[in-house]
N, C-alpha and C. Protein backbone atom coordinates (compact mmCIF):
# COMPACT_ATOMS: atom_id res chain seq x y z
N UNK A 1 40.14 56.53 -86.26
CA UNK A 1 40.71 56.65 -87.58
C UNK A 1 39.77 55.97 -88.58
N UNK A 2 39.60 56.59 -89.73
CA UNK A 2 38.87 55.92 -90.80
C UNK A 2 39.78 55.76 -92.00
N UNK A 3 39.49 54.76 -92.81
CA UNK A 3 40.31 54.46 -93.97
C UNK A 3 39.74 55.20 -95.18
N UNK A 4 40.62 55.66 -96.05
CA UNK A 4 40.18 56.48 -97.18
C UNK A 4 40.67 55.89 -98.49
N UNK A 5 39.90 56.13 -99.53
CA UNK A 5 40.27 55.69 -100.87
C UNK A 5 41.34 56.62 -101.42
N UNK A 6 42.51 56.10 -101.77
CA UNK A 6 43.53 56.99 -102.33
C UNK A 6 43.17 57.39 -103.76
N UNK A 7 43.58 58.58 -104.15
CA UNK A 7 43.41 58.98 -105.54
C UNK A 7 44.30 58.12 -106.42
N UNK A 8 43.88 57.92 -107.66
CA UNK A 8 44.78 57.30 -108.63
C UNK A 8 45.95 58.25 -108.87
N UNK A 9 47.15 57.72 -109.12
CA UNK A 9 48.30 58.60 -109.37
C UNK A 9 48.37 59.10 -110.81
N UNK A 10 47.28 58.94 -111.55
CA UNK A 10 47.20 59.36 -112.95
C UNK A 10 45.73 59.55 -113.28
N UNK A 11 45.45 60.21 -114.40
CA UNK A 11 44.07 60.38 -114.85
C UNK A 11 43.49 59.03 -115.25
N UNK A 12 42.17 58.89 -115.17
CA UNK A 12 41.55 57.59 -115.48
C UNK A 12 41.79 57.16 -116.92
N UNK A 13 42.05 58.11 -117.82
CA UNK A 13 42.28 57.74 -119.22
C UNK A 13 43.76 57.69 -119.58
N UNK A 14 44.65 57.82 -118.59
CA UNK A 14 46.08 57.95 -118.87
C UNK A 14 46.71 56.68 -119.42
N UNK A 15 46.12 55.52 -119.15
CA UNK A 15 46.70 54.26 -119.60
C UNK A 15 46.02 53.71 -120.86
N UNK A 16 45.12 54.50 -121.44
CA UNK A 16 44.49 54.06 -122.68
C UNK A 16 45.53 54.02 -123.80
N UNK A 17 45.44 53.09 -124.75
CA UNK A 17 44.34 52.13 -124.95
C UNK A 17 44.49 50.81 -124.18
N UNK A 18 45.49 50.74 -123.29
CA UNK A 18 45.79 49.45 -122.65
C UNK A 18 44.85 49.14 -121.50
N UNK A 19 44.55 50.15 -120.69
CA UNK A 19 43.52 50.02 -119.66
C UNK A 19 42.62 51.25 -119.79
N UNK A 20 41.34 51.02 -119.99
CA UNK A 20 40.43 52.11 -120.32
C UNK A 20 40.00 52.90 -119.08
N UNK A 21 39.54 54.13 -119.35
CA UNK A 21 38.96 54.94 -118.28
C UNK A 21 37.79 54.22 -117.64
N UNK A 22 37.01 53.51 -118.43
CA UNK A 22 35.86 52.78 -117.90
C UNK A 22 36.30 51.74 -116.89
N UNK A 23 37.40 51.02 -117.18
CA UNK A 23 37.91 50.04 -116.23
C UNK A 23 38.30 50.71 -114.92
N UNK A 24 38.99 51.84 -114.98
CA UNK A 24 39.38 52.51 -113.74
C UNK A 24 38.17 53.06 -112.99
N UNK A 25 37.18 53.54 -113.72
CA UNK A 25 35.96 54.02 -113.06
C UNK A 25 35.31 52.90 -112.26
N UNK A 26 35.32 51.69 -112.80
CA UNK A 26 34.73 50.54 -112.11
C UNK A 26 35.68 49.97 -111.06
N UNK A 27 36.94 49.78 -111.45
CA UNK A 27 37.89 49.08 -110.59
C UNK A 27 38.27 49.94 -109.38
N UNK A 28 38.62 51.18 -109.62
CA UNK A 28 38.98 52.08 -108.53
C UNK A 28 37.74 52.69 -107.88
N UNK A 29 36.85 53.20 -108.71
CA UNK A 29 35.71 53.95 -108.19
C UNK A 29 34.61 53.11 -107.58
N UNK A 30 34.53 51.83 -107.94
CA UNK A 30 33.49 50.95 -107.39
C UNK A 30 34.10 49.83 -106.53
N UNK A 31 34.98 49.01 -107.13
CA UNK A 31 35.53 47.86 -106.38
C UNK A 31 36.39 48.32 -105.20
N UNK A 32 37.43 49.12 -105.49
CA UNK A 32 38.31 49.56 -104.40
C UNK A 32 37.53 50.40 -103.40
N UNK A 33 36.71 51.31 -103.89
CA UNK A 33 35.92 52.14 -102.99
C UNK A 33 35.00 51.29 -102.12
N UNK A 34 34.49 50.21 -102.68
CA UNK A 34 33.62 49.31 -101.92
C UNK A 34 34.36 48.63 -100.77
N UNK A 35 35.62 48.22 -101.01
CA UNK A 35 36.41 47.61 -99.94
C UNK A 35 36.65 48.61 -98.81
N UNK A 36 36.96 49.86 -99.17
CA UNK A 36 37.22 50.88 -98.16
C UNK A 36 35.95 51.16 -97.34
N UNK A 37 34.84 51.28 -98.02
CA UNK A 37 33.57 51.54 -97.33
C UNK A 37 33.21 50.40 -96.37
N UNK A 38 33.35 49.18 -96.85
CA UNK A 38 33.03 48.02 -96.01
C UNK A 38 33.99 47.92 -94.83
N UNK A 39 35.27 48.21 -95.06
CA UNK A 39 36.26 48.17 -93.99
C UNK A 39 35.91 49.17 -92.90
N UNK A 40 35.53 50.37 -93.27
CA UNK A 40 35.13 51.37 -92.28
C UNK A 40 33.89 50.93 -91.51
N UNK A 41 32.98 50.30 -92.20
CA UNK A 41 31.77 49.78 -91.54
C UNK A 41 32.12 48.70 -90.53
N UNK A 42 33.03 47.79 -90.91
CA UNK A 42 33.38 46.67 -90.04
C UNK A 42 34.22 47.08 -88.84
N UNK A 43 34.98 48.16 -88.98
CA UNK A 43 35.91 48.54 -87.90
C UNK A 43 35.40 49.69 -87.04
N UNK A 44 34.34 50.33 -87.44
CA UNK A 44 33.82 51.48 -86.68
C UNK A 44 33.52 51.08 -85.24
N UNK A 45 33.97 51.89 -84.31
CA UNK A 45 33.72 51.68 -82.88
C UNK A 45 34.26 50.35 -82.36
N UNK A 46 35.36 49.90 -82.95
CA UNK A 46 36.06 48.71 -82.48
C UNK A 46 37.53 49.06 -82.27
N UNK A 47 38.28 48.23 -81.53
CA UNK A 47 39.71 48.49 -81.39
C UNK A 47 40.46 48.49 -82.72
N UNK A 48 39.91 47.81 -83.73
CA UNK A 48 40.54 47.78 -85.05
C UNK A 48 40.68 49.18 -85.65
N UNK A 49 39.76 50.06 -85.30
CA UNK A 49 39.76 51.40 -85.89
C UNK A 49 41.00 52.21 -85.50
N UNK A 50 41.71 51.79 -84.46
CA UNK A 50 42.89 52.52 -84.00
C UNK A 50 44.18 52.04 -84.68
N UNK A 51 44.07 50.98 -85.48
CA UNK A 51 45.25 50.39 -86.10
C UNK A 51 45.52 51.00 -87.48
N UNK A 52 46.78 50.99 -87.88
CA UNK A 52 47.09 51.33 -89.27
C UNK A 52 46.60 50.18 -90.15
N UNK A 53 46.55 50.42 -91.44
CA UNK A 53 46.10 49.38 -92.36
C UNK A 53 47.00 48.15 -92.28
N UNK A 54 48.30 48.36 -92.23
CA UNK A 54 49.24 47.23 -92.16
C UNK A 54 49.08 46.46 -90.85
N UNK A 55 48.91 47.19 -89.74
CA UNK A 55 48.69 46.53 -88.45
C UNK A 55 47.39 45.73 -88.46
N UNK A 56 46.38 46.27 -89.09
CA UNK A 56 45.09 45.60 -89.16
C UNK A 56 45.20 44.30 -89.95
N UNK A 57 45.93 44.32 -91.05
CA UNK A 57 46.13 43.11 -91.86
C UNK A 57 46.87 42.06 -91.04
N UNK A 58 47.93 42.47 -90.38
CA UNK A 58 48.73 41.54 -89.58
C UNK A 58 47.91 40.97 -88.42
N UNK A 59 47.11 41.80 -87.76
CA UNK A 59 46.33 41.39 -86.59
C UNK A 59 45.22 40.40 -86.95
N UNK A 60 44.59 40.60 -88.10
CA UNK A 60 43.42 39.78 -88.45
C UNK A 60 43.75 38.57 -89.31
N UNK A 61 44.96 38.52 -89.85
CA UNK A 61 45.32 37.40 -90.74
C UNK A 61 45.24 36.07 -90.00
N UNK A 62 44.54 35.12 -90.60
CA UNK A 62 44.46 33.78 -90.03
C UNK A 62 43.43 33.61 -88.94
N UNK A 63 42.66 34.66 -88.64
CA UNK A 63 41.65 34.58 -87.59
C UNK A 63 40.27 34.49 -88.24
N UNK A 64 39.64 33.34 -88.12
CA UNK A 64 38.35 33.11 -88.78
C UNK A 64 37.30 34.14 -88.37
N UNK A 65 37.33 34.56 -87.12
CA UNK A 65 36.32 35.51 -86.65
C UNK A 65 36.55 36.92 -87.18
N UNK A 66 37.69 37.16 -87.82
CA UNK A 66 38.00 38.48 -88.38
C UNK A 66 38.25 38.41 -89.88
N UNK A 67 37.77 37.34 -90.51
CA UNK A 67 38.06 37.13 -91.93
C UNK A 67 37.54 38.27 -92.80
N UNK A 68 36.35 38.75 -92.51
CA UNK A 68 35.79 39.84 -93.33
C UNK A 68 36.62 41.12 -93.19
N UNK A 69 37.08 41.40 -91.98
CA UNK A 69 37.94 42.57 -91.78
C UNK A 69 39.24 42.40 -92.56
N UNK A 70 39.86 41.21 -92.42
CA UNK A 70 41.10 40.97 -93.16
C UNK A 70 40.89 41.11 -94.66
N UNK A 71 39.83 40.50 -95.19
CA UNK A 71 39.60 40.53 -96.64
C UNK A 71 39.51 41.97 -97.16
N UNK A 72 38.75 42.80 -96.48
CA UNK A 72 38.57 44.17 -96.94
C UNK A 72 39.81 45.02 -96.72
N UNK A 73 40.52 44.79 -95.60
CA UNK A 73 41.76 45.53 -95.35
C UNK A 73 42.83 45.16 -96.37
N UNK A 74 43.00 43.87 -96.60
CA UNK A 74 44.03 43.42 -97.54
C UNK A 74 43.70 43.84 -98.97
N UNK A 75 42.43 43.79 -99.34
CA UNK A 75 42.06 44.23 -100.68
C UNK A 75 42.28 45.74 -100.84
N UNK A 76 42.03 46.49 -99.81
CA UNK A 76 42.33 47.93 -99.84
C UNK A 76 43.83 48.14 -100.04
N UNK A 77 44.66 47.45 -99.26
CA UNK A 77 46.11 47.62 -99.37
C UNK A 77 46.61 47.15 -100.73
N UNK A 78 46.17 45.97 -101.17
CA UNK A 78 46.63 45.42 -102.44
C UNK A 78 46.30 46.35 -103.61
N UNK A 79 45.08 46.89 -103.60
CA UNK A 79 44.70 47.77 -104.70
C UNK A 79 45.51 49.07 -104.68
N UNK A 80 45.70 49.66 -103.50
CA UNK A 80 46.51 50.88 -103.42
C UNK A 80 47.92 50.63 -103.94
N UNK A 81 48.46 49.45 -103.64
CA UNK A 81 49.79 49.07 -104.11
C UNK A 81 49.79 48.88 -105.63
N UNK A 82 48.72 48.31 -106.17
CA UNK A 82 48.60 48.09 -107.61
C UNK A 82 48.59 49.41 -108.37
N UNK A 83 47.82 50.39 -107.90
CA UNK A 83 47.79 51.68 -108.61
C UNK A 83 49.20 52.27 -108.71
N UNK A 84 49.99 52.09 -107.65
CA UNK A 84 51.35 52.63 -107.63
C UNK A 84 52.33 51.77 -108.44
N UNK A 85 51.87 50.62 -108.93
CA UNK A 85 52.70 49.76 -109.78
C UNK A 85 52.54 50.08 -111.26
N UNK A 86 51.61 50.99 -111.58
CA UNK A 86 51.28 51.31 -112.96
C UNK A 86 51.84 52.66 -113.38
N UNK A 87 52.31 52.72 -114.62
CA UNK A 87 52.81 53.98 -115.17
C UNK A 87 52.18 54.25 -116.53
N UNK A 88 51.78 55.49 -116.79
CA UNK A 88 51.24 55.82 -118.11
C UNK A 88 52.29 55.82 -119.22
N UNK A 89 53.57 55.89 -118.84
CA UNK A 89 54.64 55.91 -119.84
C UNK A 89 55.51 54.67 -119.68
N UNK A 90 56.00 54.15 -120.79
CA UNK A 90 56.88 52.99 -120.77
C UNK A 90 58.20 53.40 -120.12
N UNK A 91 58.64 52.63 -119.12
CA UNK A 91 59.86 52.96 -118.40
C UNK A 91 60.92 51.87 -118.59
N UNK A 92 62.16 52.29 -118.66
CA UNK A 92 63.27 51.36 -118.62
C UNK A 92 63.49 50.91 -117.18
N UNK A 93 64.01 49.72 -117.01
CA UNK A 93 64.32 49.22 -115.66
C UNK A 93 65.62 49.88 -115.19
N UNK A 94 65.61 50.62 -114.07
CA UNK A 94 66.85 51.23 -113.59
C UNK A 94 67.93 50.17 -113.34
N UNK A 95 69.17 50.54 -113.56
CA UNK A 95 70.26 49.57 -113.57
C UNK A 95 70.40 48.76 -112.28
N UNK A 96 70.38 49.36 -111.08
CA UNK A 96 70.53 48.52 -109.88
C UNK A 96 69.43 47.47 -109.77
N UNK A 97 68.22 47.84 -110.15
CA UNK A 97 67.11 46.89 -110.12
C UNK A 97 67.27 45.84 -111.20
N UNK A 98 67.71 46.26 -112.38
CA UNK A 98 67.92 45.31 -113.49
C UNK A 98 68.94 44.24 -113.12
N UNK A 99 69.97 44.64 -112.40
CA UNK A 99 71.01 43.67 -111.98
C UNK A 99 70.41 42.60 -111.09
N UNK A 100 69.53 43.02 -110.16
CA UNK A 100 68.90 42.05 -109.25
C UNK A 100 67.92 41.15 -110.00
N UNK A 101 67.19 41.71 -110.96
CA UNK A 101 66.26 40.90 -111.75
C UNK A 101 67.03 39.89 -112.59
N UNK A 102 68.13 40.32 -113.19
CA UNK A 102 68.95 39.40 -114.00
C UNK A 102 69.55 38.30 -113.14
N UNK A 103 69.94 38.63 -111.92
CA UNK A 103 70.49 37.61 -111.03
C UNK A 103 69.45 36.54 -110.69
N UNK A 104 68.21 36.96 -110.57
CA UNK A 104 67.15 36.04 -110.17
C UNK A 104 66.55 35.27 -111.34
N UNK A 105 66.44 35.92 -112.51
CA UNK A 105 65.68 35.32 -113.61
C UNK A 105 66.48 35.12 -114.89
N UNK A 106 67.67 35.65 -114.96
CA UNK A 106 68.49 35.52 -116.17
C UNK A 106 68.54 36.83 -116.94
N UNK A 107 67.40 37.38 -117.29
CA UNK A 107 67.33 38.69 -117.93
C UNK A 107 65.90 39.21 -117.81
N UNK A 108 65.68 40.44 -118.27
CA UNK A 108 64.37 41.07 -118.13
C UNK A 108 63.32 40.29 -118.93
N UNK A 109 63.70 39.81 -120.11
CA UNK A 109 62.77 39.04 -120.92
C UNK A 109 62.30 37.79 -120.20
N UNK A 110 63.23 37.11 -119.53
CA UNK A 110 62.87 35.90 -118.78
C UNK A 110 61.97 36.25 -117.60
N UNK A 111 62.25 37.39 -116.94
CA UNK A 111 61.36 37.84 -115.86
C UNK A 111 59.95 38.05 -116.38
N UNK A 112 59.83 38.77 -117.51
CA UNK A 112 58.51 39.06 -118.07
C UNK A 112 57.76 37.76 -118.39
N UNK A 113 58.45 36.81 -119.01
CA UNK A 113 57.81 35.53 -119.36
C UNK A 113 57.36 34.78 -118.12
N UNK A 114 58.20 34.76 -117.08
CA UNK A 114 57.85 34.07 -115.84
C UNK A 114 56.67 34.74 -115.14
N UNK A 115 56.63 36.07 -115.19
CA UNK A 115 55.55 36.81 -114.54
C UNK A 115 54.22 36.50 -115.23
N UNK A 116 54.21 36.51 -116.56
CA UNK A 116 53.00 36.18 -117.31
C UNK A 116 52.57 34.75 -117.02
N UNK A 117 53.53 33.84 -117.01
CA UNK A 117 53.23 32.43 -116.73
C UNK A 117 52.61 32.26 -115.34
N UNK A 118 53.16 32.97 -114.36
CA UNK A 118 52.61 32.89 -113.01
C UNK A 118 51.18 33.42 -112.97
N UNK A 119 50.96 34.53 -113.66
CA UNK A 119 49.61 35.10 -113.69
C UNK A 119 48.61 34.18 -114.35
N UNK A 120 49.05 33.46 -115.37
CA UNK A 120 48.16 32.53 -116.04
C UNK A 120 47.91 31.29 -115.19
N UNK A 121 48.84 30.94 -114.33
CA UNK A 121 48.68 29.74 -113.50
C UNK A 121 47.82 30.00 -112.27
N UNK A 122 47.57 31.28 -111.97
CA UNK A 122 46.72 31.62 -110.81
C UNK A 122 45.27 31.29 -111.15
N UNK A 123 44.73 30.26 -110.54
CA UNK A 123 43.36 29.85 -110.82
C UNK A 123 42.39 30.77 -110.09
N UNK A 124 41.45 31.32 -110.82
CA UNK A 124 40.47 32.20 -110.20
C UNK A 124 41.06 33.55 -109.86
N UNK A 125 40.52 34.19 -108.85
CA UNK A 125 40.89 35.55 -108.50
C UNK A 125 42.18 35.59 -107.69
N UNK A 126 42.98 36.63 -107.94
CA UNK A 126 44.21 36.75 -107.17
C UNK A 126 45.14 37.80 -107.71
N UNK A 127 46.41 37.64 -107.35
CA UNK A 127 47.44 38.65 -107.59
C UNK A 127 48.75 37.96 -107.97
N UNK A 128 49.57 38.64 -108.77
CA UNK A 128 50.92 38.18 -109.11
C UNK A 128 51.89 39.24 -108.59
N UNK A 129 52.89 38.80 -107.85
CA UNK A 129 53.81 39.71 -107.17
C UNK A 129 55.27 39.43 -107.54
N UNK A 130 56.06 40.48 -107.61
CA UNK A 130 57.51 40.37 -107.51
C UNK A 130 57.84 40.72 -106.07
N UNK A 131 58.52 39.81 -105.38
CA UNK A 131 58.84 40.02 -103.98
C UNK A 131 60.33 39.84 -103.75
N UNK A 132 60.80 40.42 -102.67
CA UNK A 132 62.19 40.28 -102.24
C UNK A 132 62.19 39.56 -100.90
N UNK A 133 62.93 38.47 -100.83
CA UNK A 133 62.99 37.69 -99.60
C UNK A 133 64.41 37.28 -99.28
N UNK A 134 64.56 36.37 -98.35
CA UNK A 134 65.89 35.93 -97.92
C UNK A 134 66.69 35.31 -99.06
N UNK A 135 65.99 34.71 -100.03
CA UNK A 135 66.66 34.08 -101.17
C UNK A 135 66.73 35.02 -102.37
N UNK A 136 66.42 36.30 -102.19
CA UNK A 136 66.43 37.24 -103.30
C UNK A 136 65.06 37.41 -103.92
N UNK A 137 65.03 37.81 -105.16
CA UNK A 137 63.77 38.08 -105.85
C UNK A 137 63.08 36.78 -106.24
N UNK A 138 61.74 36.80 -106.17
CA UNK A 138 60.95 35.69 -106.70
C UNK A 138 59.58 36.23 -107.12
N UNK A 139 58.90 35.45 -107.92
CA UNK A 139 57.55 35.77 -108.35
C UNK A 139 56.61 34.82 -107.62
N UNK A 140 55.60 35.38 -106.97
CA UNK A 140 54.63 34.57 -106.23
C UNK A 140 53.22 35.02 -106.60
N UNK A 141 52.28 34.13 -106.39
CA UNK A 141 50.87 34.48 -106.57
C UNK A 141 50.16 34.32 -105.24
N UNK A 142 49.11 35.11 -105.07
CA UNK A 142 48.24 34.95 -103.90
C UNK A 142 46.80 34.92 -104.39
N UNK A 143 45.97 34.19 -103.66
CA UNK A 143 44.56 34.06 -104.03
C UNK A 143 43.72 35.09 -103.28
N UNK A 144 42.65 35.49 -103.92
CA UNK A 144 41.65 36.36 -103.30
C UNK A 144 42.30 37.59 -102.67
N UNK A 145 42.18 37.78 -101.36
CA UNK A 145 42.74 38.98 -100.71
C UNK A 145 44.12 38.75 -100.12
N UNK A 146 44.67 37.57 -100.23
CA UNK A 146 45.96 37.30 -99.59
C UNK A 146 47.04 38.22 -100.13
N UNK A 147 48.05 38.46 -99.30
CA UNK A 147 49.09 39.43 -99.61
C UNK A 147 50.41 38.99 -99.00
N UNK A 148 51.53 39.31 -99.65
CA UNK A 148 52.84 38.99 -99.05
C UNK A 148 53.11 39.72 -97.74
N UNK A 149 52.32 40.73 -97.40
CA UNK A 149 52.51 41.42 -96.13
C UNK A 149 52.44 40.47 -94.94
N UNK A 150 51.78 39.33 -95.11
CA UNK A 150 51.64 38.37 -94.01
C UNK A 150 52.76 37.34 -94.01
N UNK A 151 53.78 37.55 -94.84
CA UNK A 151 54.92 36.63 -94.91
C UNK A 151 56.19 37.42 -94.65
N UNK A 152 57.33 36.76 -94.83
CA UNK A 152 58.61 37.46 -94.66
C UNK A 152 59.14 37.99 -95.99
N UNK A 153 58.25 38.06 -96.97
CA UNK A 153 58.63 38.58 -98.29
C UNK A 153 58.16 40.03 -98.43
N UNK A 154 59.03 40.87 -98.98
CA UNK A 154 58.68 42.28 -99.18
C UNK A 154 58.14 42.47 -100.59
N UNK A 155 56.90 42.93 -100.73
CA UNK A 155 56.34 43.14 -102.07
C UNK A 155 56.98 44.35 -102.76
N UNK A 156 57.32 44.16 -104.04
CA UNK A 156 57.91 45.23 -104.84
C UNK A 156 57.01 45.65 -105.99
N UNK A 157 56.22 44.71 -106.50
CA UNK A 157 55.41 44.94 -107.70
C UNK A 157 54.23 43.99 -107.65
N UNK A 158 53.06 44.45 -108.15
CA UNK A 158 51.91 43.55 -108.21
C UNK A 158 51.09 43.82 -109.45
N UNK A 159 50.47 42.75 -109.96
CA UNK A 159 49.46 42.86 -111.00
C UNK A 159 48.19 42.17 -110.51
N UNK A 160 47.09 42.85 -110.62
CA UNK A 160 45.78 42.33 -110.21
C UNK A 160 45.25 41.42 -111.31
N UNK A 161 44.99 40.15 -110.99
CA UNK A 161 44.40 39.24 -111.97
C UNK A 161 42.99 38.80 -111.60
N UNK A 162 42.33 39.57 -110.73
CA UNK A 162 40.89 39.41 -110.60
C UNK A 162 40.26 39.82 -111.94
N UNK A 163 39.18 39.19 -112.33
CA UNK A 163 38.58 39.51 -113.63
C UNK A 163 38.16 40.98 -113.73
N UNK A 164 37.77 41.59 -112.61
CA UNK A 164 37.33 42.99 -112.71
C UNK A 164 38.47 43.92 -113.12
N UNK A 165 39.72 43.46 -113.02
CA UNK A 165 40.87 44.28 -113.39
C UNK A 165 41.03 44.40 -114.90
N UNK A 166 40.52 43.43 -115.65
CA UNK A 166 40.81 43.42 -117.09
C UNK A 166 39.63 43.06 -117.99
N UNK A 167 38.50 42.63 -117.43
CA UNK A 167 37.47 42.04 -118.27
C UNK A 167 36.83 43.05 -119.23
N UNK A 168 36.66 44.29 -118.83
CA UNK A 168 36.07 45.30 -119.72
C UNK A 168 36.91 45.45 -120.99
N UNK A 169 38.23 45.42 -120.84
CA UNK A 169 39.14 45.67 -121.96
C UNK A 169 39.60 44.40 -122.67
N UNK A 170 39.71 43.29 -121.94
CA UNK A 170 40.32 42.09 -122.52
C UNK A 170 39.42 40.85 -122.48
N UNK A 171 38.23 40.98 -121.90
CA UNK A 171 37.34 39.84 -121.71
C UNK A 171 38.12 38.69 -121.04
N UNK A 172 38.20 37.52 -121.68
CA UNK A 172 38.89 36.39 -121.04
C UNK A 172 40.35 36.28 -121.45
N UNK A 173 40.92 37.32 -122.06
CA UNK A 173 42.29 37.25 -122.58
C UNK A 173 43.28 37.72 -121.51
N UNK A 174 43.36 36.97 -120.41
CA UNK A 174 44.24 37.36 -119.31
C UNK A 174 45.69 37.42 -119.76
N UNK A 175 46.12 36.51 -120.61
CA UNK A 175 47.52 36.51 -121.06
C UNK A 175 47.88 37.80 -121.77
N UNK A 176 46.98 38.31 -122.60
CA UNK A 176 47.23 39.57 -123.31
C UNK A 176 47.36 40.72 -122.33
N UNK A 177 46.47 40.76 -121.35
CA UNK A 177 46.52 41.78 -120.30
C UNK A 177 47.85 41.71 -119.54
N UNK A 178 48.27 40.53 -119.15
CA UNK A 178 49.52 40.38 -118.41
C UNK A 178 50.72 40.79 -119.25
N UNK A 179 50.70 40.44 -120.53
CA UNK A 179 51.83 40.80 -121.40
C UNK A 179 51.92 42.32 -121.57
N UNK A 180 50.77 42.97 -121.73
CA UNK A 180 50.76 44.44 -121.80
C UNK A 180 51.30 45.02 -120.50
N UNK A 181 50.90 44.45 -119.38
CA UNK A 181 51.38 44.94 -118.08
C UNK A 181 52.90 44.88 -118.01
N UNK A 182 53.50 43.73 -118.29
CA UNK A 182 54.95 43.61 -118.12
C UNK A 182 55.73 44.36 -119.19
N UNK A 183 55.16 44.52 -120.38
CA UNK A 183 55.87 45.19 -121.47
C UNK A 183 55.75 46.71 -121.44
N UNK A 184 54.61 47.25 -120.93
CA UNK A 184 54.33 48.67 -121.13
C UNK A 184 53.89 49.45 -119.89
N UNK A 185 53.39 48.78 -118.86
CA UNK A 185 52.67 49.51 -117.81
C UNK A 185 53.35 49.54 -116.44
N UNK A 186 54.47 48.87 -116.26
CA UNK A 186 55.10 48.82 -114.93
C UNK A 186 55.79 50.14 -114.61
N UNK A 187 55.54 50.65 -113.40
CA UNK A 187 56.25 51.82 -112.90
C UNK A 187 57.53 51.35 -112.22
N UNK A 188 58.58 51.21 -113.02
CA UNK A 188 59.85 50.68 -112.51
C UNK A 188 60.50 51.62 -111.50
N UNK A 189 60.23 52.91 -111.61
CA UNK A 189 60.78 53.85 -110.63
C UNK A 189 60.20 53.58 -109.25
N UNK A 190 58.93 53.29 -109.17
CA UNK A 190 58.33 52.95 -107.87
C UNK A 190 58.86 51.63 -107.35
N UNK A 191 59.06 50.66 -108.24
CA UNK A 191 59.63 49.38 -107.81
C UNK A 191 61.01 49.62 -107.20
N UNK A 192 61.81 50.44 -107.85
CA UNK A 192 63.16 50.75 -107.34
C UNK A 192 63.10 51.41 -105.98
N UNK A 193 62.15 52.36 -105.81
CA UNK A 193 62.03 53.04 -104.52
C UNK A 193 61.64 52.05 -103.41
N UNK A 194 60.76 51.12 -103.73
CA UNK A 194 60.36 50.14 -102.74
C UNK A 194 61.53 49.26 -102.32
N UNK A 195 62.43 49.01 -103.23
CA UNK A 195 63.58 48.15 -102.94
C UNK A 195 64.50 48.78 -101.91
N UNK A 196 64.62 50.09 -101.91
CA UNK A 196 65.57 50.75 -101.00
C UNK A 196 64.90 51.32 -99.75
N UNK A 197 63.57 51.28 -99.67
CA UNK A 197 62.88 51.82 -98.50
C UNK A 197 63.11 50.94 -97.26
């Protein structure tokens, strides 16, 4: 089995002016594609090549001798999940999901503020996630290639806060990028589907 770069679920210019076609050309076409290419190189003719992406992440997590495989596998998965977290059109939060968000954070506005705050507190490269766990919804951050897939938390939504995700359009204005993400770019329908899967 070889791993493949998924197509974006929208045209590269569909999120303009908030995320430019140039950013997607670099982020999807170079960064994400690079992780997939490296992953195939690292796993070719090894037992890893027979695993699904999720199995590969679980198998290599925490093993120093497989760190490069884990990094590229997790970055592949995280990026594919991120593309599916984005919508070209502003969406309302579906009611069943809104009820759960309100139970966890008070209201949608408080969720948005907490999500931006978490993204700003992530030092260096990483990710901001909405996850569902035993205690309900929470917002967590992970560094570098780490992912909630290696925990007992189910990821529902993610925003990429590596600089390559926003620097072309926002330079060092990560807060502005995060606010645009929570206010205009979340695919709430996909978040809802993930909740019931």
